Amino acid sequence: MKRLELEKATAPLRNYARDVKKEPVVLTSGGKPVAALFAITNADLETITLSTHPQFIALIERSRMRQKAGGGISSKEVRRRLGIERTGRHR
């Protein structure tokens, strides 16, 4: 992982973006990380946007807590309730 102090980051952004193909670039201020550039693989813009959206993260966390506290239903039960038969072999 490459570390770069913001005050020394004077090259065009495209240069740093090219570097992330090799390793992530962490930008620091006073030695503390403030931002990171990293290669994106197997993700689209929507996935990235949602994974960093505070309200979406809070929604997911509430759902996890609710499921943990109250339990949930199996996929088999969901299929039964929806009248969907399982097809093929899934693991």
PDB file of N, CA and C in Angstrom:
ATOM      1  N   MET A   1       0.844  -1.162   0.000  1.00  0.00           N
ATOM      2  CA  MET A   1       0.000   0.000   0.000  1.00  0.00           C
ATOM      3  C   MET A   1       0.897   1.235   0.000  1.00  0.00           C
ATOM      4  N   LYS A   2       0.597   2.114  -0.921  1.00  0.00           N
ATOM      5  CA  LYS A   2       1.381   3.341  -1.033  1.00  0.00           C
ATOM      6  C   LYS A   2       0.734   4.428  -0.178  1.00  0.00           C
ATOM      7  N   ARG A   3       1.545   5.145   0.572  1.00  0.00           N
ATOM      8  CA  ARG A   3       1.059   6.277   1.373  1.00  0.00           C
ATOM      9  C   ARG A   3       1.599   7.551   0.774  1.00  0.00           C
ATOM     10  N   LEU A   4       0.759   8.574   0.746  1.00  0.00           N
ATOM     11  CA  LEU A   4       1.150   9.835   0.145  1.00  0.00           C
ATOM     12  C   LEU A   4       0.587  10.989   0.959  1.00  0.00           C
ATOM     13  N   GLU A   5       1.447  11.844   1.428  1.00  0.00           N
ATOM     14  CA  GLU A   5       1.022  13.031   2.180  1.00  0.00           C
ATOM     15  C   GLU A   5       0.358  13.997   1.199  1.00  0.00           C
ATOM     16  N   LEU A   6      -0.805  14.544   1.585  1.00  0.00           N
ATOM     17  CA  LEU A   6      -1.551  15.428   0.694  1.00  0.00           C
ATOM     18  C   LEU A   6      -0.702  16.565   0.143  1.00  0.00           C
ATOM     19  N   GLU A   7       0.131  17.148   0.983  1.00  0.00           N
ATOM     20  CA  GLU A   7       0.955  18.280   0.548  1.00  0.00           C
ATOM     21  C   GLU A   7       1.930  17.881  -0.561  1.00  0.00           C
ATOM     22  N   LYS A   8       2.255  16.600  -0.630  1.00  0.00           N
ATOM     23  CA  LYS A   8       3.192  16.126  -1.649  1.00  0.00           C
ATOM     24  C   LYS A   8       2.479  15.545  -2.864  1.00  0.00           C
ATOM     25  N   ALA A   9       1.166  15.500  -2.829  1.00  0.00           N
ATOM     26  CA  ALA A   9       0.377  14.943  -3.932  1.00  0.00           C
ATOM     27  C   ALA A   9       0.140  16.033  -4.971  1.00  0.00           C
ATOM     28  N   THR A  10       1.139  16.279  -5.785  1.00  0.00           N
ATOM     29  CA  THR A  10       1.055  17.376  -6.760  1.00  0.00           C
ATOM     30  C   THR A  10       0.856  16.903  -8.191  1.00  0.00           C
ATOM     31  N   ALA A  11       0.922  15.602  -8.427  1.00  0.00           N
ATOM     32  CA  ALA A  11       0.721  15.065  -9.777  1.00  0.00           C
ATOM     33  C   ALA A  11      -0.769  15.085 -10.110  1.00  0.00           C
ATOM     34  N   PRO A  12      -1.107  15.028 -11.395  1.00  0.00           N
ATOM     35  CA  PRO A  12      -2.525  14.939 -11.776  1.00  0.00           C
ATOM     36  C   PRO A  12      -3.177  13.680 -11.190  1.00  0.00           C
ATOM     37  N   LEU A  13      -4.442  13.771 -10.880  1.00  0.00           N
ATOM     38  CA  LEU A  13      -5.178  12.647 -10.291  1.00  0.00           C
ATOM     39  C   LEU A  13      -5.069  11.395 -11.151  1.00  0.00           C
ATOM     40  N   ARG A  14      -5.062  11.552 -12.461  1.00  0.00           N
ATOM     41  CA  ARG A  14      -4.984  10.379 -13.343  1.00  0.00           C
ATOM     42  C   ARG A  14      -3.736   9.550 -13.077  1.00  0.00           C
ATOM     43  N   ASN A  15      -2.636  10.204 -12.669  1.00  0.00           N
ATOM     44  CA  ASN A  15      -1.406   9.457 -12.355  1.00  0.00           C
ATOM     45  C   ASN A  15      -1.606   8.563 -11.144  1.00  0.00           C
ATOM     46  N   TYR A  16      -2.252   9.079 -10.115  1.00  0.00           N
ATOM     47  CA  TYR A  16      -2.496   8.289  -8.911  1.00  0.00           C
ATOM     48  C   TYR A  16      -3.512   7.179  -9.204  1.00  0.00           C
ATOM     49  N   ALA A  17      -4.497   7.476 -10.042  1.00  0.00           N
ATOM     50  CA  ALA A  17      -5.496   6.471 -10.400  1.00  0.00           C
ATOM     51  C   ALA A  17      -4.840   5.309 -11.147  1.00  0.00           C
ATOM     52  N   ARG A  18      -3.868   5.599 -11.968  1.00  0.00           N
ATOM     53  CA  ARG A  18      -3.148   4.524 -12.665  1.00  0.00           C
ATOM     54  C   ARG A  18      -2.370   3.655 -11.673  1.00  0.00           C
ATOM     55  N   ASP A  19      -1.824   4.276 -10.634  1.00  0.00           N
ATOM     56  CA  ASP A  19      -1.037   3.544  -9.640  1.00  0.00           C
ATOM     57  C   ASP A  19      -1.846   2.500  -8.883  1.00  0.00           C
ATOM     58  N   VAL A  20      -3.164   2.712  -8.742  1.00  0.00           N
ATOM     59  CA  VAL A  20      -3.967   1.779  -7.937  1.00  0.00           C
ATOM     60  C   VAL A  20      -4.098   0.411  -8.588  1.00  0.00           C
ATOM     61  N   LYS A  21      -3.725   0.309  -9.853  1.00  0.00           N
ATOM     62  CA  LYS A  21      -3.727  -1.011 -10.486  1.00  0.00           C
ATOM     63  C   LYS A  21      -2.700  -1.913  -9.816  1.00  0.00           C
ATOM     64  N   LYS A  22      -1.640  -1.307  -9.282  1.00  0.00           N
ATOM     65  CA  LYS A  22      -0.576  -2.053  -8.603  1.00  0.00           C
ATOM     66  C   LYS A  22      -0.871  -2.221  -7.121  1.00  0.00           C
ATOM     67  N   GLU A  23      -1.304  -1.139  -6.477  1.00  0.00           N
ATOM     68  CA  GLU A  23      -1.564  -1.159  -5.038  1.00  0.00           C
ATOM     69  C   GLU A  23      -2.417   0.048  -4.663  1.00  0.00           C
ATOM     70  N   PRO A  24      -3.183  -0.044  -3.560  1.00  0.00           N
ATOM     71  CA  PRO A  24      -3.977   1.101  -3.110  1.00  0.00           C
ATOM     72  C   PRO A  24      -3.079   2.287  -2.754  1.00  0.00           C
ATOM     73  N   VAL A  25      -3.627   3.480  -2.896  1.00  0.00           N
ATOM     74  CA  VAL A  25      -2.915   4.702  -2.534  1.00  0.00           C
ATOM     75  C   VAL A  25      -3.700   5.362  -1.408  1.00  0.00           C
ATOM     76  N   VAL A  26      -3.059   5.544  -0.261  1.00  0.00           N
ATOM     77  CA  VAL A  26      -3.700   6.174   0.886  1.00  0.00           C
ATOM     78  C   VAL A  26      -3.153   7.590   1.006  1.00  0.00           C
ATOM     79  N   LEU A  27      -4.051   8.566   1.006  1.00  0.00           N
ATOM     80  CA  LEU A  27      -3.661   9.959   1.172  1.00  0.00           C
ATOM     81  C   LEU A  27      -3.734  10.304   2.648  1.00  0.00           C
ATOM     82  N   THR A  28      -2.700  10.963   3.129  1.00  0.00           N
ATOM     83  CA  THR A  28      -2.637  11.302   4.552  1.00  0.00           C
ATOM     84  C   THR A  28      -2.484  12.803   4.745  1.00  0.00           C
ATOM     85  N   SER A  29      -2.867  13.246   5.905  1.00  0.00           N
ATOM     86  CA  SER A  29      -2.663  14.631   6.316  1.00  0.00           C
ATOM     87  C   SER A  29      -2.110  14.584   7.730  1.00  0.00           C
ATOM     88  N   GLY A  30      -0.898  15.069   7.888  1.00  0.00           N
ATOM     89  CA  GLY A  30      -0.254  14.981   9.194  1.00  0.00           C
ATOM     90  C   GLY A  30      -0.020  13.535   9.603  1.00  0.00           C
ATOM     91  N   GLY A  31       0.134  12.651   8.621  1.00  0.00           N
ATOM     92  CA  GLY A  31       0.369  11.244   8.908  1.00  0.00           C
ATOM     93  C   GLY A  31      -0.885  10.420   9.139  1.00  0.00           C
ATOM     94  N   LYS A  32      -2.052  11.078   9.189  1.00  0.00           N
ATOM     95  CA  LYS A  32      -3.310  10.362   9.420  1.00  0.00           C
ATOM     96  C   LYS A  32      -4.037  10.175   8.095  1.00  0.00           C
ATOM     97  N   PRO A  33      -4.563   8.980   7.844  1.00  0.00           N
ATOM     98  CA  PRO A  33      -5.268   8.736   6.587  1.00  0.00           C
ATOM     99  C   PRO A  33      -6.530   9.579   6.468  1.00  0.00           C
ATOM    100  N   VAL A  34      -6.732  10.173   5.285  1.00  0.00           N
ATOM    101  CA  VAL A  34      -7.931  10.978   5.042  1.00  0.00           C
ATOM    102  C   VAL A  34      -8.722  10.485   3.836  1.00  0.00           C
ATOM    103  N   ALA A  35      -8.071   9.762   2.940  1.00  0.00           N
ATOM    104  CA  ALA A  35      -8.747   9.234   1.754  1.00  0.00           C
ATOM    105  C   ALA A  35      -7.931   8.081   1.202  1.00  0.00           C
ATOM    106  N   ALA A  36      -8.585   7.280   0.386  1.00  0.00           N
ATOM    107  CA  ALA A  36      -7.887   6.160  -0.237  1.00  0.00           C
ATOM    108  C   ALA A  36      -8.353   6.013  -1.675  1.00  0.00           C
ATOM    109  N   LEU A  37      -7.437   5.655  -2.520  1.00  0.00           N
ATOM    110  CA  LEU A  37      -7.740   5.314  -3.906  1.00  0.00           C
ATOM    111  C   LEU A  37      -7.427   3.836  -4.065  1.00  0.00           C
ATOM    112  N   PHE A  38      -8.364   3.083  -4.608  1.00  0.00           N
ATOM    113  CA  PHE A  38      -8.126   1.659  -4.805  1.00  0.00           C
ATOM    114  C   PHE A  38      -8.856   1.194  -6.049  1.00  0.00           C
ATOM    115  N   ALA A  39      -8.365   0.137  -6.637  1.00  0.00           N
ATOM    116  CA  ALA A  39      -8.983  -0.409  -7.843  1.00  0.00           C
ATOM    117  C   ALA A  39     -10.353  -0.995  -7.504  1.00  0.00           C
ATOM    118  N   ILE A  40     -11.271  -0.830  -8.415  1.00  0.00           N
ATOM    119  CA  ILE A  40     -12.614  -1.372  -8.240  1.00  0.00           C
ATOM    120  C   ILE A  40     -12.763  -2.565  -9.174  1.00  0.00           C
ATOM    121  N   THR A  41     -13.099  -3.693  -8.572  1.00  0.00           N
ATOM    122  CA  THR A  41     -13.337  -4.893  -9.374  1.00  0.00           C
ATOM    123  C   THR A  41     -14.675  -5.494  -8.975  1.00  0.00           C
ATOM    124  N   ASN A  42     -15.357  -6.037  -9.919  1.00  0.00           N
ATOM    125  CA  ASN A  42     -16.639  -6.710  -9.689  1.00  0.00           C
ATOM    126  C   ASN A  42     -17.664  -5.831  -8.982  1.00  0.00           C
ATOM    127  N   ALA A  43     -17.704  -4.549  -9.340  1.00  0.00           N
ATOM    128  CA  ALA A  43     -18.685  -3.642  -8.747  1.00  0.00           C
ATOM    129  C   ALA A  43     -19.070  -2.597  -9.779  1.00  0.00           C
ATOM    130  N   ASP A  44     -20.316  -2.171  -9.709  1.00  0.00           N
ATOM    131  CA  ASP A  44     -20.752  -1.092 -10.582  1.00  0.00           C
ATOM    132  C   ASP A  44     -20.961   0.165  -9.740  1.00  0.00           C
ATOM    133  N   LEU A  45     -21.303   1.258 -10.398  1.00  0.00           N
ATOM    134  CA  LEU A  45     -21.453   2.533  -9.694  1.00  0.00           C
ATOM    135  C   LEU A  45     -22.542   2.472  -8.628  1.00  0.00           C
ATOM    136  N   GLU A  46     -23.647   1.783  -8.926  1.00  0.00           N
ATOM    137  CA  GLU A  46     -24.727   1.669  -7.950  1.00  0.00           C
ATOM    138  C   GLU A  46     -24.260   0.949  -6.681  1.00  0.00           C
ATOM    139  N   THR A  47     -23.523  -0.115  -6.843  1.00  0.00           N
ATOM    140  CA  THR A  47     -23.014  -0.879  -5.699  1.00  0.00           C
ATOM    141  C   THR A  47     -22.108  -0.008  -4.840  1.00  0.00           C
ATOM    142  N   ILE A  48     -21.224   0.703  -5.476  1.00  0.00           N
ATOM    143  CA  ILE A  48     -20.294   1.565  -4.739  1.00  0.00           C
ATOM    144  C   ILE A  48     -21.040   2.687  -4.036  1.00  0.00           C
ATOM    145  N   THR A  49     -21.995   3.291  -4.731  1.00  0.00           N
ATOM    146  CA  THR A  49     -22.772   4.388  -4.144  1.00  0.00           C
ATOM    147  C   THR A  49     -23.533   3.910  -2.916  1.00  0.00           C
ATOM    148  N   LEU A  50     -24.222   2.774  -3.030  1.00  0.00           N
ATOM    149  CA  LEU A  50     -24.992   2.267  -1.896  1.00  0.00           C
ATOM    150  C   LEU A  50     -24.100   1.839  -0.733  1.00  0.00           C
ATOM    151  N   SER A  51     -22.963   1.240  -1.039  1.00  0.00           N
ATOM    152  CA  SER A  51     -22.109   0.732   0.034  1.00  0.00           C
ATOM    153  C   SER A  51     -21.463   1.840   0.854  1.00  0.00           C
ATOM    154  N   THR A  52     -21.538   3.063   0.377  1.00  0.00           N
ATOM    155  CA  THR A  52     -20.967   4.180   1.138  1.00  0.00           C
ATOM    156  C   THR A  52     -22.030   5.177   1.587  1.00  0.00           C
ATOM    157  N   HIS A  53     -23.303   4.871   1.327  1.00  0.00           N
ATOM    158  CA  HIS A  53     -24.390   5.787   1.682  1.00  0.00           C
ATOM    159  C   HIS A  53     -24.827   5.548   3.130  1.00  0.00           C
ATOM    160  N   PRO A  54     -24.684   6.548   3.998  1.00  0.00           N
ATOM    161  CA  PRO A  54     -24.984   6.350   5.427  1.00  0.00           C
ATOM    162  C   PRO A  54     -26.399   5.854   5.714  1.00  0.00           C
ATOM    163  N   GLN A  55     -27.399   6.355   4.998  1.00  0.00           N
ATOM    164  CA  GLN A  55     -28.769   5.917   5.248  1.00  0.00           C
ATOM    165  C   GLN A  55     -28.975   4.460   4.840  1.00  0.00           C
ATOM    166  N   PHE A  56     -28.370   4.057   3.742  1.00  0.00           N
ATOM    167  CA  PHE A  56     -28.491   2.670   3.311  1.00  0.00           C
ATOM    168  C   PHE A  56     -27.797   1.740   4.301  1.00  0.00           C
ATOM    169  N   ILE A  57     -26.622   2.134   4.756  1.00  0.00           N
ATOM    170  CA  ILE A  57     -25.887   1.328   5.739  1.00  0.00           C
ATOM    171  C   ILE A  57     -26.702   1.196   7.020  1.00  0.00           C
ATOM    172  N   ALA A  58     -27.337   2.296   7.451  1.00  0.00           N
ATOM    173  CA  ALA A  58     -28.172   2.257   8.656  1.00  0.00           C
ATOM    174  C   ALA A  58     -29.369   1.334   8.454  1.00  0.00           C
ATOM    175  N   LEU A  59     -29.975   1.364   7.281  1.00  0.00           N
ATOM    176  CA  LEU A  59     -31.101   0.486   6.971  1.00  0.00           C
ATOM    177  C   LEU A  59     -30.698  -0.982   7.050  1.00  0.00           C
ATOM    178  N   ILE A  60     -29.569  -1.313   6.469  1.00  0.00           N
ATOM    179  CA  ILE A  60     -29.073  -2.691   6.510  1.00  0.00           C
ATOM    180  C   ILE A  60     -28.789  -3.114   7.949  1.00  0.00           C
ATOM    181  N   GLU A  61     -28.178  -2.230   8.710  1.00  0.00           N
ATOM    182  CA  GLU A  61     -27.853  -2.556  10.106  1.00  0.00           C
ATOM    183  C   GLU A  61     -29.121  -2.781  10.927  1.00  0.00           C
ATOM    184  N   ARG A  62     -30.149  -1.944  10.721  1.00  0.00           N
ATOM    185  CA  ARG A  62     -31.430  -2.140  11.430  1.00  0.00           C
ATOM    186  C   ARG A  62     -32.041  -3.487  11.055  1.00  0.00           C
ATOM    187  N   SER A  63     -31.974  -3.818   9.792  1.00  0.00           N
ATOM    188  CA  SER A  63     -32.528  -5.100   9.335  1.00  0.00           C
ATOM    189  C   SER A  63     -31.786  -6.268   9.963  1.00  0.00           C
ATOM    190  N   ARG A  64     -30.482  -6.171  10.048  1.00  0.00           N
ATOM    191  CA  ARG A  64     -29.682  -7.240  10.674  1.00  0.00           C
ATOM    192  C   ARG A  64     -30.036  -7.381  12.147  1.00  0.00           C
ATOM    193  N   MET A  65     -30.173  -6.262  12.839  1.00  0.00           N
ATOM    194  CA  MET A  65     -30.511  -6.307  14.263  1.00  0.00           C
ATOM    195  C   MET A  65     -31.899  -6.903  14.462  1.00  0.00           C
ATOM    196  N   ARG A  66     -32.854  -6.505  13.612  1.00  0.00           N
ATOM    197  CA  ARG A  66     -34.222  -7.019  13.715  1.00  0.00           C
ATOM    198  C   ARG A  66     -34.238  -8.524  13.463  1.00  0.00           C
ATOM    199  N   GLN A  67     -33.489  -8.971  12.475  1.00  0.00           N
ATOM    200  CA  GLN A  67     -33.442 -10.403  12.165  1.00  0.00           C
ATOM    201  C   GLN A  67     -32.799 -11.178  13.302  1.00  0.00           C
ATOM    202  N   LYS A  68     -31.741 -10.602  13.872  1.00  0.00           N
ATOM    203  CA  LYS A  68     -31.049 -11.271  14.979  1.00  0.00           C
ATOM    204  C   LYS A  68     -31.947 -11.364  16.213  1.00  0.00           C
ATOM    205  N   ALA A  69     -32.684 -10.282  16.499  1.00  0.00           N
ATOM    206  CA  ALA A  69     -33.542 -10.255  17.687  1.00  0.00           C
ATOM    207  C   ALA A  69     -34.803 -11.100  17.515  1.00  0.00           C
ATOM    208  N   GLY A  70     -35.395 -11.013  16.339  1.00  0.00           N
ATOM    209  CA  GLY A  70     -36.674 -11.688  16.154  1.00  0.00           C
ATOM    210  C   GLY A  70     -36.614 -12.947  15.331  1.00  0.00           C
ATOM    211  N   GLY A  71     -35.445 -13.258  14.850  1.00  0.00           N
ATOM    212  CA  GLY A  71     -35.325 -14.436  13.999  1.00  0.00           C
ATOM    213  C   GLY A  71     -35.785 -14.119  12.587  1.00  0.00           C
ATOM    214  N   GLY A  72     -35.780 -15.107  11.801  1.00  0.00           N
ATOM    215  CA  GLY A  72     -36.171 -14.933  10.412  1.00  0.00           C
ATOM    216  C   GLY A  72     -36.834 -16.199   9.922  1.00  0.00           C
ATOM    217  N   ILE A  73     -37.082 -16.232   8.639  1.00  0.00           N
ATOM    218  CA  ILE A  73     -37.667 -17.428   8.062  1.00  0.00           C
ATOM    219  C   ILE A  73     -36.699 -17.979   7.017  1.00  0.00           C
ATOM    220  N   SER A  74     -36.744 -19.254   6.835  1.00  0.00           N
ATOM    221  CA  SER A  74     -35.840 -19.910   5.906  1.00  0.00           C
ATOM    222  C   SER A  74     -36.246 -19.612   4.469  1.00  0.00           C
ATOM    223  N   SER A  75     -35.315 -19.821   3.565  1.00  0.00           N
ATOM    224  CA  SER A  75     -35.632 -19.631   2.148  1.00  0.00           C
ATOM    225  C   SER A  75     -36.684 -20.649   1.713  1.00  0.00           C
ATOM    226  N   LYS A  76     -36.656 -21.814   2.323  1.00  0.00           N
ATOM    227  CA  LYS A  76     -37.662 -22.839   2.022  1.00  0.00           C
ATOM    228  C   LYS A  76     -39.056 -22.322   2.382  1.00  0.00           C
ATOM    229  N   GLU A  77     -39.172 -21.661   3.534  1.00  0.00           N
ATOM    230  CA  GLU A  77     -40.457 -21.114   3.971  1.00  0.00           C
ATOM    231  C   GLU A  77     -40.894 -19.962   3.068  1.00  0.00           C
ATOM    232  N   VAL A  78     -39.975 -19.138   2.647  1.00  0.00           N
ATOM    233  CA  VAL A  78     -40.303 -18.032   1.736  1.00  0.00           C
ATOM    234  C   VAL A  78     -40.865 -18.599   0.434  1.00  0.00           C
ATOM    235  N   ARG A  79     -40.189 -19.606  -0.110  1.00  0.00           N
ATOM    236  CA  ARG A  79     -40.664 -20.231  -1.346  1.00  0.00           C
ATOM    237  C   ARG A  79     -42.061 -20.830  -1.149  1.00  0.00           C
ATOM    238  N   ARG A  80     -42.287 -21.476  -0.008  1.00  0.00           N
ATOM    239  CA  ARG A  80     -43.596 -22.072   0.274  1.00  0.00           C
ATOM    240  C   ARG A  80     -44.663 -20.985   0.297  1.00  0.00           C
ATOM    241  N   ARG A  81     -44.404 -19.881   0.995  1.00  0.00           N
ATOM    242  CA  ARG A  81     -45.377 -18.797   1.101  1.00  0.00           C
ATOM    243  C   ARG A  81     -45.658 -18.140  -0.252  1.00  0.00           C
ATOM    244  N   LEU A  82     -44.654 -18.090  -1.093  1.00  0.00           N
ATOM    245  CA  LEU A  82     -44.825 -17.462  -2.402  1.00  0.00           C
ATOM    246  C   LEU A  82     -45.277 -18.444  -3.476  1.00  0.00           C
ATOM    247  N   GLY A  83     -45.356 -19.711  -3.108  1.00  0.00           N
ATOM    248  CA  GLY A  83     -45.771 -20.723  -4.063  1.00  0.00           C
ATOM    249  C   GLY A  83     -44.729 -20.985  -5.139  1.00  0.00           C
ATOM    250  N   ILE A  84     -43.475 -20.852  -4.763  1.00  0.00           N
ATOM    251  CA  ILE A  84     -42.384 -21.058  -5.703  1.00  0.00           C
ATOM    252  C   ILE A  84     -41.710 -22.375  -5.386  1.00  0.00           C
ATOM    253  N   GLU A  85     -41.607 -23.226  -6.410  1.00  0.00           N
ATOM    254  CA  GLU A  85     -40.903 -24.485  -6.215  1.00  0.00           C
ATOM    255  C   GLU A  85     -39.436 -24.301  -6.533  1.00  0.00           C
ATOM    256  N   ARG A  86     -38.620 -24.976  -5.800  1.00  0.00           N
ATOM    257  CA  ARG A  86     -37.177 -24.902  -6.031  1.00  0.00           C
ATOM    258  C   ARG A  86     -36.842 -25.679  -7.295  1.00  0.00           C
ATOM    259  N   THR A  87     -36.022 -25.061  -8.144  1.00  0.00           N
ATOM    260  CA  THR A  87     -35.592 -25.737  -9.364  1.00  0.00           C
ATOM    261  C   THR A  87     -34.088 -25.858  -9.363  1.00  0.00           C
ATOM    262  N   GLY A  88     -33.594 -26.952  -9.905  1.00  0.00           N
ATOM    263  CA  GLY A  88     -32.149 -27.142  -9.991  1.00  0.00           C
ATOM    264  C   GLY A  88     -31.540 -27.408  -8.638  1.00  0.00           C
ATOM    265  N   ARG A  89     -30.224 -27.579  -8.654  1.00  0.00           N
ATOM    266  CA  ARG A  89     -29.491 -27.834  -7.417  1.00  0.00           C
ATOM    267  C   ARG A  89     -28.734 -26.568  -7.027  1.00  0.00           C
ATOM    268  N   HIS A  90     -29.116 -25.983  -5.927  1.00  0.00           N
ATOM    269  CA  HIS A  90     -28.446 -24.777  -5.421  1.00  0.00           C
ATOM    270  C   HIS A  90     -27.825 -25.073  -4.083  1.00  0.00           C
ATOM    271  N   ARG A  91     -26.686 -24.488  -3.867  1.00  0.00           N
ATOM    272  CA  ARG A  91     -26.032 -24.664  -2.563  1.00  0.00           C
ATOM    273  C   ARG A  91     -25.743 -23.316  -1.977  1.00  0.00           C
TER     274      ARG A  91
END
